[in-house]
Amino acid sequence: TYCTLTEHLFSNILPILVGIVLLGSHWSLLMMFFCSLTCGTITAHSNYNIPWLFDSLTHDWHHYSFTENYGPIGLLDDYYDTNKVYKSWMAELKERTKREGGDIRVLASKELAQMEAKKA
């Protein structure tokens, strides 16, 4: 697993609980947050790209490199430039699919799997 119990408690659960408790929010808000986070986690790890939800390919790259794509939507990654290699890799794949045809997501998933296998 990529997340220890301590990391999960302090980076995933505690920030939500503290905010809801400090603001005195209704318990249904807590349920809404945990359900939306669960859906986001399932989507990010599913290898499907569902429009308007987290991009699973970006998250897969995060698990491959561990030094890029930290955020779920990429705003801070763009700001702090923690997705340079990912962006250049995607630009290269986009050029290749223009020349050779095919689907960029399929090509990216295959290449990422091959890169992971070489790393192991």
Protein backbone atom coordinates (compact mmCIF):
# COMPACT_ATOMS: atom_id res chain seq x y z
CA THR A 1 0.00 0.00 0.00
CA TYR A 2 1.09 3.55 -0.71
CA CYS A 3 -0.40 5.12 2.40
CA THR A 4 0.35 4.13 5.99
CA LEU A 5 -2.32 4.27 8.66
CA THR A 6 -0.65 7.29 10.25
CA GLU A 7 -0.43 9.12 6.91
CA HIS A 8 -4.07 8.31 6.17
CA LEU A 9 -5.24 9.59 9.54
CA PHE A 10 -3.20 12.79 9.53
CA SER A 11 -3.42 13.77 5.86
CA ASN A 12 -6.79 12.38 4.75
CA ILE A 13 -9.16 12.13 7.71
CA LEU A 14 -8.01 14.61 10.35
CA PRO A 15 -8.12 17.77 8.17
CA ILE A 16 -11.75 17.09 7.26
CA LEU A 17 -12.77 16.25 10.82
CA VAL A 18 -11.06 19.32 12.29
CA GLY A 19 -12.75 21.64 9.80
CA ILE A 20 -16.19 20.18 10.37
CA VAL A 21 -15.83 20.12 14.16
CA LEU A 22 -14.42 23.67 14.38
CA LEU A 23 -17.20 25.04 12.21
CA GLY A 24 -19.89 23.03 13.99
CA SER A 25 -21.20 21.68 10.69
CA HIS A 26 -24.03 19.20 10.38
CA TRP A 27 -23.06 15.50 10.35
CA SER A 28 -24.45 15.17 6.82
CA LEU A 29 -21.64 17.44 5.57
CA LEU A 30 -19.13 14.99 7.04
CA MET A 31 -20.84 12.13 5.21
CA MET A 32 -20.88 14.13 1.96
CA PHE A 33 -17.13 14.85 2.22
CA PHE A 34 -16.19 11.25 2.96
CA CYS A 35 -18.42 9.93 0.15
CA SER A 36 -16.96 12.40 -2.36
CA LEU A 37 -13.40 11.57 -1.26
CA THR A 38 -14.13 7.85 -1.56
CA CYS A 39 -15.50 8.36 -5.08
CA GLY A 40 -12.43 10.44 -5.97
CA THR A 41 -10.08 7.76 -4.66
CA ILE A 42 -11.89 5.00 -6.52
CA THR A 43 -11.86 7.05 -9.74
CA ALA A 44 -8.17 7.99 -9.42
CA HIS A 45 -7.18 4.34 -8.97
CA SER A 46 -9.60 2.86 -11.53
CA ASN A 47 -7.65 3.57 -14.76
CA TYR A 48 -10.83 5.11 -16.21
CA ASN A 49 -11.09 8.73 -17.23
CA ILE A 50 -14.51 9.91 -16.15
CA PRO A 51 -15.22 13.49 -17.30
CA TRP A 52 -15.31 16.10 -14.53
CA LEU A 53 -13.65 13.77 -12.03
CA PHE A 54 -10.01 13.11 -11.19
CA ASP A 55 -7.77 12.01 -14.05
CA SER A 56 -6.55 8.50 -13.33
CA LEU A 57 -3.55 8.80 -15.67
CA THR A 58 -2.20 11.80 -13.75
CA HIS A 59 -2.56 9.84 -10.53
CA ASP A 60 -0.95 6.74 -12.05
CA TRP A 61 2.06 8.90 -12.95
CA HIS A 62 2.20 10.05 -9.33
CA HIS A 63 2.46 6.43 -8.19
CA TYR A 64 5.13 5.78 -10.83
CA SER A 65 7.40 8.73 -10.00
CA PHE A 66 6.41 9.68 -6.40
CA THR A 67 7.95 13.10 -7.08
CA GLU A 68 5.23 14.59 -9.29
CA ASN A 69 1.48 15.19 -9.49
CA TYR A 70 0.83 15.57 -5.78
CA GLY A 71 -2.53 17.31 -5.98
CA PRO A 72 -5.81 15.88 -7.23
CA ILE A 73 -6.52 18.69 -9.72
CA GLY A 74 -3.01 19.92 -10.49
CA LEU A 75 -3.29 23.61 -9.61
CA LEU A 76 -0.45 23.59 -7.11
CA ASP A 77 1.54 21.19 -9.29
CA ASP A 78 1.40 23.82 -12.04
CA TYR A 79 2.32 26.58 -9.61
CA TYR A 80 5.27 24.74 -8.02
CA ASP A 81 6.27 23.00 -11.27
CA THR A 82 6.02 19.52 -9.77
CA ASN A 83 4.69 18.03 -12.98
CA LYS A 84 7.36 18.98 -15.55
CA VAL A 85 8.36 15.45 -16.53
CA TYR A 86 4.73 14.33 -16.73
CA LYS A 87 3.79 17.25 -18.98
CA SER A 88 6.73 16.70 -21.31
CA TRP A 89 5.94 12.97 -21.48
CA MET A 90 2.30 13.73 -22.33
CA ALA A 91 3.38 16.26 -25.00
CA GLU A 92 5.63 13.60 -26.55
CA LEU A 93 2.78 11.07 -26.54
CA LYS A 94 0.44 13.63 -28.09
CA GLU A 95 2.90 14.22 -30.95
CA ARG A 96 3.30 10.46 -31.48
CA THR A 97 -0.45 9.88 -31.61
CA LYS A 98 -0.81 12.72 -34.13
CA ARG A 99 1.79 11.07 -36.38
CA GLU A 100 0.92 7.43 -35.85
CA GLY A 101 -2.73 7.61 -34.83
CA GLY A 102 -4.31 5.84 -31.89
CA ASP A 103 -5.62 6.89 -28.52
CA ILE A 104 -3.27 8.82 -26.23
CA ARG A 105 -4.76 7.31 -23.05
CA VAL A 106 -4.27 3.75 -24.28
CA LEU A 107 -0.71 4.48 -25.37
CA ALA A 108 0.07 6.25 -22.09
CA SER A 109 -1.33 3.40 -19.99
CA LYS A 110 0.69 0.81 -21.93
CA GLU A 111 3.91 2.80 -21.69
CA LEU A 112 3.41 3.50 -18.01
CA ALA A 113 2.88 -0.22 -17.35
CA GLN A 114 6.09 -1.01 -19.25
CA MET A 115 8.01 1.68 -17.33
CA GLU A 116 6.69 0.29 -14.04
CA ALA A 117 7.78 -3.24 -15.02
CA LYS A 118 11.30 -2.04 -15.82
CA LYS A 119 11.49 -0.26 -12.47
CA ALA A 120 10.54 -3.35 -10.49
